[in-house]
Amino acid sequence: MTRHIVAIDQGTTSSRAILFDETGKPLTSHAREFPQHYPQDGRVEHDPEDIWRDTVACVMEVLTDDTVAIGITNQRETIILWDRDTGKPLHNAIVWQDRRTADLCRNLKNEGYEPRITEKTGLLLDPYFSATKLVWLLDHVDGAREAAARGALACGTIDSFLLWRLTGGKVHATDITNAGRTMLCDIHAGEWDDELLTLFGVERSLLPEIRGNSEIYGETDPALFGRAIPIAGMAGDQQAAVIGQACFEPGMVKSTYGTGCFLLLNTGTEALASQNRLLSTPAYRIDGETHYALEGSIFVAGAAIKWLRDKLGVITDAADSEEIARAVPDDHGITLVPAFVGLGAPHWEPDARGLITGMTLDTTADHIVRATLESIAFQTRDLIDAMRADGAEMPSAIRIDGGMAQNGWFAQFLADVLDTPVERPESHETTALGAAFLAGLATGVWNGLDELSAGWEADASFAPDMEAERRNDLLAHWKKALDRALL
């Protein structure tokens, strides 16, 4: 019997569905980009109906009669508030990049709440996470707090909203990896925390049930796809990439280069407390056992390449950046800090803004393109340095994925800047593959993590090939530019 799995990969700029066979090979895919809404400086929103419409359309394009399960992976921290009776959102989704609650976070930090929040959630007080976004929705949507008190509203991250809609409103649940990014979940207990709910003024009745990552959450409404299909795997996109990259052993590292960059180090069944402003986060919960990760989050990676294409018009396609970077001299002297929506780990400065240093009358658009690529590698180095300072042992290689991982020049420069080998997997769809793996584990398509590990193969490896003196010089220029952005 042929068995297929559909993975829904709902990202920041597009929704996709990918059909996998029982070997983990992608057979076909369909994607739709959707509009980004920027109502004010620092604010980023999505229309949930765009996400829903595109998700269903993408699934319809790839679905087969042999599909045995659906897995979901999603942009994390983005939050939606909707009516339980109608299923209609009360407001646009507030996206993870949104910084509108920076003042609220700053006030809570000044009042001394951050250490307790970090102790329970592994997170820092930053607008990045869902809790303060939800507070904003409850305070700014007319009648929302009153409706929430009556139990008339539901909220959730994108996974939860899609699950609700796919099951016809029958299942209101989320998984531990998405719950762990809300700043409302005690990641050690794996439950919503009463102290945090009181602090943020959030009704427990709003929140979805927290479940593991690989189990049958429910079935699709037969009216959607002509039959009921089990939804059997869910994980936030970065944790799904951990699964897709088979980083199951403590010490293994993956770094995903999508809209942002997210580097996760598997720490096993222990949630390590960072002393260098990294995050401790659930990596996955399978068969009741939770594994954790140390995470560094960069807000702008592929988004910077999109900026070069859509706002500056200096490239027509993201792939153009590789050829341009190769042609620019190594001593071009330009440093770019892509703090377009503030800076993430290890700085956590929401008010930082982007800048370019070192420009002369000889500076061209090509120099800015290369400096943009370099900036993503420099930010990754900052994360690695923070992990080393936390006492983490670095692996023999770092596994990379995401759109930018296909840029060979960038992958080599990354290895040079990190002074660590970089491996790119044979499968380019690691995030979606992780969602498929989770759904397949729950439905018997695969028998365990060892089977998934055995199937992982590298497509290309990049060994460091840069003199230490040049590396140190580049990093010194990066630090000077970074210091200016942080002023």
Protein backbone atom coordinates (compact mmCIF):
# COMPACT_ATOMS: atom_id res chain seq x y z
CA MET A 1 0.00 0.00 0.00
CA THR A 2 1.33 3.42 -0.96
CA ARG A 3 1.17 5.94 1.87
CA HIS A 4 1.48 9.69 1.40
CA ILE A 5 1.62 12.50 3.93
CA VAL A 6 0.75 16.14 3.31
CA ALA A 7 2.78 18.69 5.24
CA ILE A 8 1.31 22.16 5.65
CA ASP A 9 4.15 24.67 5.93
CA GLN A 10 2.53 27.95 6.90
CA GLY A 11 5.27 30.56 6.85
CA THR A 12 5.64 34.29 7.31
CA THR A 13 5.33 35.21 3.65
CA SER A 14 3.72 32.16 2.06
CA SER A 15 1.60 29.11 2.73
CA ARG A 16 2.66 25.80 1.21
CA ALA A 17 1.63 22.18 1.08
CA ILE A 18 4.10 19.43 0.21
CA LEU A 19 3.29 15.81 -0.49
CA PHE A 20 5.81 13.27 0.85
CA ASP A 21 6.05 9.56 0.20
CA GLU A 22 6.93 6.98 2.84
CA THR A 23 10.67 7.39 2.19
CA GLY A 24 10.46 11.10 3.03
CA LYS A 25 10.86 12.15 -0.59
CA PRO A 26 8.86 15.23 -1.65
CA LEU A 27 6.63 14.36 -4.60
CA THR A 28 4.88 17.63 -5.34
CA SER A 29 4.25 20.99 -3.73
CA HIS A 30 2.18 24.11 -4.11
CA ALA A 31 2.72 27.53 -2.57
CA ARG A 32 0.97 30.87 -2.42
CA GLU A 33 2.45 34.15 -1.22
CA PHE A 34 0.12 36.39 0.73
CA PRO A 35 0.19 40.14 1.51
CA GLN A 36 2.11 41.60 4.43
CA HIS A 37 0.42 44.48 6.25
CA TYR A 38 2.44 47.26 7.91
CA PRO A 39 -0.13 49.60 9.48
CA GLN A 40 2.52 51.61 11.35
CA ASP A 41 6.27 51.62 11.90
CA GLY A 42 7.24 48.43 13.71
CA ARG A 43 3.84 46.79 13.20
CA VAL A 44 3.39 43.68 11.06
CA GLU A 45 0.05 41.92 10.47
CA HIS A 46 -1.44 39.11 8.41
CA ASP A 47 -5.05 38.59 7.40
CA PRO A 48 -5.96 35.16 8.86
CA GLU A 49 -8.44 34.62 6.05
CA ASP A 50 -5.61 34.93 3.52
CA ILE A 51 -3.72 32.24 5.42
CA TRP A 52 -6.75 29.97 5.66
CA ARG A 53 -7.78 30.35 2.02
CA ASP A 54 -4.26 29.76 0.72
CA THR A 55 -3.63 26.80 3.02
CA VAL A 56 -6.75 24.96 1.87
CA ALA A 57 -6.01 25.74 -1.78
CA CYS A 58 -2.44 24.43 -1.44
CA VAL A 59 -3.57 21.20 0.23
CA MET A 60 -6.13 20.64 -2.53
CA GLU A 61 -3.37 20.92 -5.14
CA VAL A 62 -1.20 18.12 -3.66
CA LEU A 63 -3.68 15.81 -1.92
CA THR A 64 -3.91 12.21 -3.19
CA ASP A 65 -6.18 9.29 -2.43
CA ASP A 66 -3.18 7.66 -0.73
CA THR A 67 -2.77 10.48 1.82
CA VAL A 68 -2.95 8.95 5.29
CA ALA A 69 -2.18 11.99 7.45
CA ILE A 70 -1.56 15.72 7.55
CA GLY A 71 1.20 17.44 9.51
CA ILE A 72 1.32 21.16 10.29
CA THR A 73 4.29 23.43 10.81
CA ASN A 74 3.96 27.16 11.19
CA GLN A 75 5.41 30.57 11.82
CA ARG A 76 5.71 30.77 15.59
CA GLU A 77 4.57 33.51 18.02
CA THR A 78 2.09 35.01 15.53
CA ILE A 79 -1.23 35.22 17.39
CA ILE A 80 -4.90 35.25 16.34
CA LEU A 81 -8.04 35.98 18.38
CA TRP A 82 -11.32 34.60 17.04
CA ASP A 83 -14.99 34.10 17.87
CA ARG A 84 -15.83 30.58 19.05
CA ASP A 85 -19.28 30.58 17.47
CA THR A 86 -18.44 31.95 14.03
CA GLY A 87 -14.74 31.07 13.81
CA LYS A 88 -14.08 34.58 12.48
CA PRO A 89 -10.98 36.49 13.62
CA LEU A 90 -11.64 39.72 15.48
CA HIS A 91 -8.50 41.40 14.10
CA ASN A 92 -5.61 40.70 11.80
CA ALA A 93 -3.02 38.30 13.18
CA ILE A 94 -0.18 40.08 14.94
CA VAL A 95 3.03 38.67 13.46
CA TRP A 96 6.11 37.54 15.35
CA GLN A 97 8.10 40.43 13.85
CA ASP A 98 5.71 43.02 15.30
CA ARG A 99 7.19 45.41 17.89
CA ARG A 100 4.08 47.33 19.01
CA THR A 101 4.31 46.03 22.58
CA ALA A 102 7.90 47.13 23.17
CA ASP A 103 6.83 49.68 25.80
CA LEU A 104 4.73 47.11 27.66
CA CYS A 105 7.68 44.72 27.73
CA ARG A 106 9.99 47.49 28.88
CA ASN A 107 7.63 48.43 31.70
CA LEU A 108 7.30 44.84 32.89
CA LYS A 109 11.06 44.47 32.78
CA ASN A 110 11.52 47.66 34.81
CA GLU A 111 9.05 46.29 37.35
CA GLY A 112 11.30 43.26 37.81
CA TYR A 113 9.19 40.54 36.21
CA GLU A 114 11.69 39.25 33.65
CA PRO A 115 13.69 36.84 35.88
CA ARG A 116 10.54 34.98 36.97
CA ILE A 117 9.20 34.86 33.41
CA THR A 118 12.51 33.51 32.14
CA GLU A 119 12.67 30.92 34.91
CA LYS A 120 9.30 29.48 33.89
CA THR A 121 9.25 30.02 30.13
CA GLY A 122 12.90 30.07 29.06
CA LEU A 123 12.08 33.30 27.24
CA LEU A 124 12.94 36.97 27.66
CA LEU A 125 10.54 39.88 27.97
CA ASP A 126 10.35 40.89 24.34
CA PRO A 127 7.55 41.86 21.91
CA TYR A 128 8.62 38.86 19.80
CA PHE A 129 6.57 36.47 21.93
CA SER A 130 2.81 36.02 21.85
CA ALA A 131 1.65 37.07 25.33
CA THR A 132 1.95 40.83 24.99
CA LYS A 133 0.49 40.69 21.46
CA LEU A 134 -2.55 38.93 22.92
CA VAL A 135 -2.78 41.58 25.64
CA TRP A 136 -2.79 44.25 22.92
CA LEU A 137 -5.63 42.51 21.07
CA LEU A 138 -7.69 42.16 24.24
CA ASP A 139 -7.15 45.82 25.11
CA HIS A 140 -7.66 47.33 21.65
CA VAL A 141 -10.43 45.26 20.02
CA ASP A 142 -13.78 46.63 21.14
CA GLY A 143 -15.49 44.30 23.61
CA ALA A 144 -12.74 41.67 23.47
CA ARG A 145 -12.05 41.48 27.19
CA GLU A 146 -15.73 41.23 28.02
CA ALA A 147 -16.24 38.52 25.40
CA ALA A 148 -13.19 36.64 26.67
CA ALA A 149 -14.56 36.72 30.21
CA ARG A 150 -17.77 35.12 28.90
CA GLY A 151 -15.78 32.34 27.23
CA ALA A 152 -16.92 33.52 23.78
CA LEU A 153 -13.44 33.86 22.29
CA ALA A 154 -10.54 31.57 21.44
CA CYS A 155 -6.96 32.42 20.69
CA GLY A 156 -3.96 30.60 19.38
CA THR A 157 -0.89 30.61 17.23
CA ILE A 158 -1.24 29.75 13.55
CA ASP A 159 -1.12 25.98 14.16
CA SER A 160 -4.04 26.23 16.56
CA PHE A 161 -6.10 28.41 14.21
CA LEU A 162 -5.53 26.04 11.27
CA LEU A 163 -6.37 23.00 13.42
CA TRP A 164 -9.60 24.66 14.55
CA ARG A 165 -10.62 25.47 11.00
CA LEU A 166 -9.54 22.13 9.52
CA THR A 167 -11.55 20.20 12.10
CA GLY A 168 -14.62 22.38 11.65
CA GLY A 169 -14.16 23.99 15.06
CA LYS A 170 -14.07 20.68 16.91
CA VAL A 171 -10.49 20.82 18.18
CA HIS A 172 -8.88 23.73 19.98
CA ALA A 173 -5.34 22.55 20.68
CA THR A 174 -1.72 23.46 20.19
CA ASP A 175 1.56 21.59 20.62
CA ILE A 176 4.24 22.09 23.25
CA THR A 177 6.68 23.84 20.87
CA ASN A 178 4.20 26.55 19.94
CA ALA A 179 2.83 26.85 23.47
CA GLY A 180 6.39 27.28 24.68
CA ARG A 181 6.75 30.46 22.60
CA THR A 182 3.75 32.30 24.03
CA MET A 183 5.35 33.39 27.35
CA LEU A 184 2.29 31.88 29.07
CA CYS A 185 3.52 28.28 29.36
CA ASP A 186 5.71 26.78 32.06
CA ILE A 187 7.97 24.73 29.77
CA HIS A 188 9.16 22.55 32.65
CA ALA A 189 5.62 21.49 33.57
CA GLY A 190 4.39 21.67 29.97
CA GLU A 191 1.23 23.53 31.04
CA TRP A 192 -0.32 26.99 30.98
CA ASP A 193 0.85 28.79 34.12
CA ASP A 194 -1.63 30.52 36.44
CA GLU A 195 0.92 33.04 37.68
CA LEU A 196 1.73 34.13 34.12
CA LEU A 197 -1.94 34.22 33.10
CA THR A 198 -2.64 36.53 36.04
CA LEU A 199 0.36 38.74 35.24
CA PHE A 200 -0.76 39.27 31.65
CA GLY A 201 -4.49 39.27 32.38
CA VAL A 202 -5.30 36.36 30.07
CA GLU A 203 -8.33 34.13 30.66
CA ARG A 204 -7.44 30.42 30.66
CA SER A 205 -10.62 29.73 28.67
CA LEU A 206 -9.08 31.55 25.69
CA LEU A 207 -6.23 29.09 25.38
CA PRO A 208 -5.95 25.81 23.49
CA GLU A 209 -5.12 22.46 25.06
CA ILE A 210 -1.38 21.71 25.01
CA ARG A 211 -0.41 18.39 23.42
CA GLY A 212 2.71 16.59 22.20
CA ASN A 213 4.09 16.87 18.69
CA SER A 214 3.24 13.48 17.25
CA GLU A 215 -0.30 12.30 17.91
CA ILE A 216 -3.70 12.38 16.23
CA TYR A 217 -5.24 15.74 17.14
CA GLY A 218 -8.41 15.22 15.14
CA GLU A 219 -9.66 14.76 11.60
CA THR A 220 -10.37 17.21 8.83
CA ASP A 221 -13.97 18.18 8.19
CA PRO A 222 -15.04 15.86 5.33
CA ALA A 223 -16.56 18.87 3.55
CA LEU A 224 -13.08 20.30 2.96
CA PHE A 225 -11.32 17.49 1.09
CA GLY A 226 -14.07 14.96 0.46
CA ARG A 227 -13.10 12.72 3.37
CA ALA A 228 -11.79 12.88 6.92
CA ILE A 229 -7.98 12.86 7.13
CA PRO A 230 -6.10 12.57 10.45
CA ILE A 231 -4.09 15.60 11.53
CA ALA A 232 -1.27 13.79 13.30
CA GLY A 233 1.72 16.09 13.70
CA MET A 234 2.28 19.73 14.68
CA ALA A 235 5.35 21.78 15.52
CA GLY A 236 6.58 25.33 15.21
CA ASP A 237 8.69 25.77 12.11
CA GLN A 238 12.08 25.81 13.82
CA GLN A 239 11.37 22.74 15.92
CA ALA A 240 10.00 21.00 12.83
CA ALA A 241 13.35 21.70 11.17
CA VAL A 242 15.09 20.02 14.13
CA ILE A 243 13.02 16.92 13.34
CA GLY A 244 13.61 17.19 9.60
CA GLN A 245 17.36 17.58 10.16
CA ALA A 246 17.34 14.56 12.50
CA CYS A 247 19.04 16.52 15.30
CA PHE A 248 17.93 14.07 17.96
CA GLU A 249 21.14 13.77 19.99
CA PRO A 250 22.20 16.35 22.61
CA GLY A 251 24.76 18.72 21.11
CA MET A 252 23.46 18.56 17.55
CA VAL A 253 22.79 21.95 15.92
CA LYS A 254 20.63 23.10 13.03
CA SER A 255 20.34 26.62 11.64
CA THR A 256 17.42 27.56 9.43
CA TYR A 257 17.60 30.54 7.07
CA GLY A 258 14.08 31.56 6.17
CA THR A 259 12.51 34.97 6.77
CA GLY A 260 14.59 35.03 9.94
CA CYS A 261 17.41 32.76 11.11
CA PHE A 262 16.94 30.36 13.99
CA LEU A 263 19.75 28.26 15.40
CA LEU A 264 18.81 25.44 17.80
CA LEU A 265 21.14 23.29 19.89
CA ASN A 266 19.58 20.09 21.24
CA THR A 267 20.16 19.96 25.02
CA GLY A 268 18.37 16.66 25.63
CA THR A 269 15.80 16.30 28.40
CA GLU A 270 17.27 19.23 30.34
CA ALA A 271 16.18 22.82 29.71
CA LEU A 272 19.41 24.80 30.09
CA ALA A 273 19.23 28.31 31.51
CA SER A 274 21.26 30.69 29.35
CA GLN A 275 23.43 33.36 30.92
CA ASN A 276 23.87 35.09 27.56
CA ARG A 277 20.33 36.01 26.56
CA LEU A 278 19.58 32.94 24.51
CA LEU A 279 16.29 31.11 24.82
CA SER A 280 15.50 27.74 26.34
CA THR A 281 12.64 26.15 24.44
CA PRO A 282 10.93 22.78 23.97
CA ALA A 283 12.39 21.05 20.90
CA TYR A 284 9.81 18.28 20.74
CA ARG A 285 7.66 16.00 22.88
CA ILE A 286 7.24 12.48 21.50
CA ASP A 287 5.80 9.55 23.47
CA GLY A 288 5.52 11.76 26.53
CA GLU A 289 9.21 12.70 26.70
CA THR A 290 10.19 16.33 26.14
CA HIS A 291 13.53 17.33 24.67
CA TYR A 292 14.70 20.92 24.90
CA ALA A 293 16.89 23.24 22.87
CA LEU A 294 18.97 26.34 23.37
CA GLU A 295 17.88 28.79 20.69
CA GLY A 296 19.23 31.93 19.10
CA SER A 297 16.74 33.94 17.05
CA ILE A 298 17.69 36.40 14.30
CA PHE A 299 14.73 38.43 13.11
CA VAL A 300 15.96 39.24 9.60
CA ALA A 301 17.71 36.78 7.27
CA GLY A 302 15.87 35.92 4.06
CA ALA A 303 13.71 39.00 4.71
CA ALA A 304 16.80 41.08 3.94
CA ILE A 305 17.14 39.40 0.55
CA LYS A 306 13.45 40.09 -0.07
CA TRP A 307 14.17 43.72 0.84
CA LEU A 308 16.94 43.87 -1.76
CA ARG A 309 14.52 42.51 -4.36
CA ASP A 310 11.22 44.19 -3.52
CA LYS A 311 12.21 47.51 -1.93
CA LEU A 312 15.59 48.41 -3.41
CA GLY A 313 15.16 46.59 -6.72
CA VAL A 314 18.86 45.73 -6.90
CA ILE A 315 18.15 42.04 -7.64
CA THR A 316 15.31 40.48 -9.57
CA ASP A 317 15.53 37.05 -7.94
CA ALA A 318 16.96 35.85 -4.63
CA ALA A 319 19.24 33.45 -6.51
CA ASP A 320 20.95 36.43 -8.19
CA SER A 321 22.64 37.29 -4.90
CA GLU A 322 25.05 34.34 -5.14
CA GLU A 323 26.59 35.38 -8.47
CA ILE A 324 26.77 39.00 -7.35
CA ALA A 325 28.50 38.11 -4.07
CA ARG A 326 31.12 36.04 -5.87
CA ALA A 327 31.97 38.98 -8.16
CA VAL A 328 32.44 41.58 -5.38
CA PRO A 329 36.04 41.93 -4.09
CA ASP A 330 36.70 40.60 -0.60
CA ASP A 331 37.98 44.00 0.55
CA HIS A 332 34.78 45.87 -0.40
CA GLY A 333 34.64 47.49 3.07
CA ILE A 334 30.84 47.66 3.47
CA THR A 335 29.08 46.40 6.61
CA LEU A 336 25.29 46.21 6.85
CA VAL A 337 23.31 45.64 10.05
CA PRO A 338 19.81 44.40 9.09
CA ALA A 339 18.04 45.64 12.22
CA PHE A 340 14.89 46.49 10.28
CA VAL A 341 12.60 45.28 13.09
CA GLY A 342 15.08 45.55 15.94
CA LEU A 343 17.66 42.95 16.88
CA GLY A 344 17.01 39.49 18.33
CA ALA A 345 19.42 37.26 20.21
CA PRO A 346 21.71 37.82 21.93
CA HIS A 347 21.00 41.58 21.93
CA TRP A 348 17.19 41.79 22.24
CA GLU A 349 16.98 45.45 21.31
CA PRO A 350 13.58 46.21 19.75
CA ASP A 351 14.46 49.85 19.03
CA ALA A 352 17.62 49.15 17.00
CA ARG A 353 17.35 50.05 13.32
CA GLY A 354 19.31 49.03 10.26
CA LEU A 355 22.38 50.84 8.99
CA ILE A 356 25.17 50.57 6.44
CA THR A 357 28.75 51.65 7.20
CA GLY A 358 31.88 52.08 5.09
CA MET A 359 30.24 53.57 1.99
CA THR A 360 32.26 55.69 -0.43
CA LEU A 361 31.60 57.11 -3.89
CA ASP A 362 32.77 53.75 -5.25
CA THR A 363 30.04 51.83 -3.40
CA THR A 364 27.59 50.05 -5.70
CA ALA A 365 24.40 48.11 -5.27
CA ASP A 366 26.44 44.90 -5.64
CA HIS A 367 28.45 45.81 -2.53
CA ILE A 368 25.22 46.17 -0.55
CA VAL A 369 24.00 42.79 -1.83
CA ARG A 370 27.15 41.05 -0.63
CA ALA A 371 27.18 42.93 2.68
CA THR A 372 23.59 41.79 3.25
CA LEU A 373 24.56 38.14 2.83
CA GLU A 374 27.59 38.61 5.06
CA SER A 375 25.45 40.18 7.80
CA ILE A 376 23.45 36.95 8.21
CA ALA A 377 26.66 34.99 8.76
CA PHE A 378 27.92 37.55 11.27
CA GLN A 379 24.67 37.35 13.24
CA THR A 380 24.96 33.56 13.27
CA ARG A 381 28.48 33.89 14.67
CA ASP A 382 27.07 36.05 17.49
CA LEU A 383 24.68 33.21 18.38
CA ILE A 384 27.44 30.60 18.33
CA ASP A 385 29.63 32.78 20.55
CA ALA A 386 26.77 33.15 23.03
CA MET A 387 26.24 29.38 23.10
CA ARG A 388 29.95 28.81 23.71
CA ALA A 389 29.82 31.35 26.54
CA ASP A 390 26.96 29.32 28.02
CA GLY A 391 29.29 26.32 28.09
CA ALA A 392 27.73 24.48 25.16
CA GLU A 393 29.99 22.16 23.23
CA MET A 394 29.98 22.85 19.54
CA PRO A 395 29.24 19.94 17.21
CA SER A 396 31.51 18.63 14.49
CA ALA A 397 29.25 20.35 11.95
CA ILE A 398 26.22 22.61 11.77
CA ARG A 399 23.29 21.49 9.63
CA ILE A 400 21.71 24.32 7.65
CA ASP A 401 18.44 24.58 5.76
CA GLY A 402 16.00 27.16 4.42
CA GLY A 403 16.06 29.20 1.23
CA MET A 404 19.42 30.86 1.84
CA ALA A 405 21.08 27.47 2.42
CA GLN A 406 20.87 26.89 -1.33
CA ASN A 407 23.27 29.79 -1.89
CA GLY A 408 26.65 28.07 -2.12
CA TRP A 409 28.63 31.28 -1.64
CA PHE A 410 26.71 32.05 1.55
CA ALA A 411 27.14 28.50 2.89
CA GLN A 412 30.92 28.72 2.36
CA PHE A 413 31.15 32.19 3.90
CA LEU A 414 29.14 30.94 6.87
CA ALA A 415 31.57 28.06 7.42
CA ASP A 416 34.46 30.53 7.17
CA VAL A 417 32.97 32.99 9.67
CA LEU A 418 31.94 30.26 12.12
CA ASP A 419 35.21 28.36 11.65
CA THR A 420 33.04 25.24 11.72
CA PRO A 421 32.03 22.82 8.95
CA VAL A 422 28.56 23.38 7.51
CA GLU A 423 26.37 20.61 6.10
CA ARG A 424 23.41 21.04 3.79
CA PRO A 425 20.94 18.14 3.71
CA GLU A 426 19.86 16.25 0.65
CA SER A 427 16.27 17.27 1.33
CA HIS A 428 15.73 21.00 0.89
CA GLU A 429 12.33 20.83 2.57
CA THR A 430 13.48 20.10 6.10
CA THR A 431 10.81 22.12 7.91
CA ALA A 432 7.94 20.53 6.02
CA LEU A 433 9.69 17.16 6.23
CA GLY A 434 9.76 17.50 10.02
CA ALA A 435 5.99 18.01 10.07
CA ALA A 436 5.57 14.99 7.79
CA PHE A 437 7.83 12.89 10.03
CA LEU A 438 5.76 13.80 13.10
CA ALA A 439 2.51 12.89 11.35
CA GLY A 440 4.02 9.69 9.97
CA LEU A 441 5.35 8.60 13.36
CA ALA A 442 1.85 8.95 14.82
CA THR A 443 0.26 6.92 12.02
CA GLY A 444 2.83 4.15 11.68
CA VAL A 445 4.50 5.28 8.48
CA TRP A 446 7.81 5.42 10.38
CA ASN A 447 8.74 3.39 13.44
CA GLY A 448 10.91 5.75 15.45
CA LEU A 449 13.57 8.44 15.58
CA ASP A 450 16.38 5.98 14.81
CA GLU A 451 14.78 5.25 11.46
CA LEU A 452 14.60 8.97 10.69
CA SER A 453 18.24 9.51 11.70
CA ALA A 454 19.42 6.68 9.48
CA GLY A 455 17.76 8.30 6.49
CA TRP A 456 19.45 11.72 6.84
CA GLU A 457 22.03 12.45 4.12
CA ALA A 458 24.15 15.49 3.27
CA ASP A 459 23.85 17.06 -0.16
CA ALA A 460 26.93 19.26 0.28
CA SER A 461 29.53 20.05 2.95
CA PHE A 462 31.48 23.29 3.36
CA ALA A 463 34.77 23.30 5.28
CA PRO A 464 36.24 26.53 6.74
CA ASP A 465 38.77 28.07 4.35
CA MET A 466 39.55 31.53 5.70
CA GLU A 467 42.66 32.85 7.42
CA ALA A 468 42.08 33.64 11.07
CA GLU A 469 43.42 37.18 10.61
CA ARG A 470 40.83 38.00 7.94
CA ARG A 471 38.05 36.41 9.97
CA ASN A 472 38.98 38.47 13.02
CA ASP A 473 39.15 41.64 10.93
CA LEU A 474 35.68 41.03 9.48
CA LEU A 475 34.22 40.35 12.91
CA ALA A 476 35.83 43.51 14.32
CA HIS A 477 34.20 45.63 11.60
CA TRP A 478 30.89 43.87 12.26
CA LYS A 479 31.09 44.65 15.98
CA LYS A 480 31.75 48.34 15.32
CA ALA A 481 28.74 48.59 13.03
CA LEU A 482 26.61 46.59 15.46
CA ASP A 483 27.53 48.93 18.32
CA ARG A 484 26.29 51.88 16.27
CA ALA A 485 22.97 50.14 15.57
CA LEU A 486 22.54 49.48 19.28
CA LEU A 487 22.99 53.14 20.30
